[in-house]
Protein backbone atom coordinates (compact mmCIF):
# COMPACT_ATOMS: atom_id res chain seq x y z
CA MET A 1 93.85 182.83 93.80
CA PRO A 2 96.63 183.68 91.56
CA SER A 3 97.72 181.41 88.92
CA SER A 4 101.07 179.70 88.88
CA SER A 5 102.28 182.37 86.19
CA GLN A 6 101.43 185.28 88.38
CA HIS A 7 103.83 186.42 91.08
CA THR A 8 103.04 188.51 94.16
CA VAL A 9 105.14 190.24 96.89
CA SER A 10 106.14 188.14 99.76
CA GLN A 11 105.75 189.44 103.26
CA VAL A 12 107.50 187.76 106.18
CA ARG A 13 106.25 189.03 109.43
CA PRO A 14 108.77 188.85 112.28
CA GLU A 15 108.03 187.17 115.73
CA THR A 16 108.25 190.65 117.38
CA ALA A 17 107.82 193.88 115.34
CA ALA A 18 110.22 195.65 117.83
CA SER A 19 113.11 193.35 117.17
CA ARG A 20 113.06 193.04 113.50
CA LEU A 21 112.31 194.69 110.29
CA GLU A 22 109.44 193.61 108.28
CA ILE A 23 110.90 191.93 105.10
CA LEU A 24 109.45 192.08 101.66
CA LYS A 25 110.92 189.63 99.13
CA VAL A 26 110.92 190.79 95.45
CA SER A 27 111.35 188.63 92.32
CA ALA A 28 112.15 189.68 88.87
CA THR A 29 108.47 189.37 87.91
CA SER A 30 107.23 191.51 90.90
CA LYS A 31 105.36 194.32 89.82
CA PRO A 32 107.03 197.70 90.97
CA VAL A 33 103.64 199.36 91.60
CA ALA A 34 102.52 196.57 93.84
CA VAL A 35 105.70 196.58 95.68
CA ALA A 36 105.86 200.20 95.99
CA GLY A 37 102.29 200.15 97.82
CA ALA A 38 103.56 197.61 100.19
CA ILE A 39 106.72 199.61 100.97
CA ALA A 40 104.68 202.57 101.55
CA GLY A 41 102.24 200.78 103.83
CA VAL A 42 104.87 199.52 105.94
CA VAL A 43 106.93 202.61 106.15
CA ARG A 44 103.77 204.61 107.14
CA THR A 45 103.17 202.37 110.17
CA GLN A 46 106.70 201.19 111.09
CA HIS A 47 108.91 203.88 109.63
CA GLN A 48 111.06 201.32 107.87
CA VAL A 49 111.10 198.08 105.93
CA GLU A 50 113.77 195.53 104.38
CA VAL A 51 113.56 194.92 100.80
CA GLN A 52 115.28 191.62 99.71
CA ALA A 53 116.22 190.69 96.06
CA ILE A 54 118.38 188.06 94.47
CA GLY A 55 119.47 188.61 90.96
CA ALA A 56 119.72 191.56 88.43
CA GLY A 57 116.01 191.60 87.52
CA ALA A 58 114.75 191.35 90.99
CA ILE A 59 117.20 194.20 92.05
CA ASN A 60 115.79 196.38 89.28
CA GLN A 61 112.38 195.67 90.30
CA ALA A 62 113.15 196.66 93.94
CA ILE A 63 114.80 199.67 93.01
CA LYS A 64 111.88 200.88 90.87
CA ALA A 65 109.58 200.15 93.59
CA ILE A 66 111.47 202.21 96.00
CA ALA A 67 111.50 205.12 93.66
CA ILE A 68 107.81 204.83 93.14
CA SER A 69 107.09 204.62 96.71
CA ARG A 70 108.84 207.87 97.44
CA GLY A 71 106.19 209.55 95.49
CA TYR A 72 103.58 207.63 97.43
CA VAL A 73 104.67 208.76 100.98
CA ALA A 74 105.86 212.23 99.88
CA PRO A 75 102.44 214.01 100.13
CA GLY A 76 102.28 212.95 103.61
CA GLY A 77 105.60 214.70 104.41
CA LEU A 78 107.91 211.54 104.47
CA ASP A 79 111.05 211.34 102.83
CA LEU A 80 112.59 208.05 102.24
CA VAL A 81 116.21 206.85 102.05
CA CYS A 82 117.62 203.42 101.21
CA THR A 83 120.56 201.73 102.73
CA PRO A 84 122.01 198.68 100.39
CA SER A 85 124.03 195.74 101.75
CA PHE A 86 124.81 192.13 100.81
CA ILE A 87 123.00 189.18 102.45
CA ASN A 88 123.35 185.49 102.13
CA ILE A 89 120.17 183.51 101.70
CA SER A 90 119.62 179.70 101.83
CA ILE A 91 117.23 178.67 99.02
CA ASN A 92 116.62 174.83 98.76
CA GLY A 93 119.81 174.28 100.75
CA GLU A 94 121.89 176.38 98.37
CA GLU A 95 123.56 179.67 99.48
CA ARG A 96 122.73 182.63 97.31
CA THR A 97 123.97 186.18 97.72
CA GLY A 98 121.28 188.73 97.50
CA ILE A 99 120.90 192.58 98.23
CA ARG A 100 119.04 193.72 101.24
CA LEU A 101 117.57 197.41 100.89
CA VAL A 102 116.73 198.84 104.13
CA VAL A 103 114.07 201.57 103.50
CA GLN A 104 113.64 204.10 106.19
CA VAL A 105 111.97 207.59 106.66
CA ARG A 106 114.60 210.40 106.86
């Protein structure tokens, strides 16, 4: 079990895979290689994934992870593209603006 000082990638599984994208939530302390592995795994099976990040550090880790994941899936003939947008997320009753990065196979 990870200690409180270790952070992992959070995965939120939708009720129906056909109606929603799988969501990976990235924090500033997420390891880009671990996030990249999660992105690659989801993209290989579902062909797209949503990455969410709040704050400059988290967005930095998310972008690095997407770049790394492109290298993971390229040998299998997959090329990834990323579409950014803003999202509003409620955290402990407080509204925060984050970035949604939809990663898809081109």
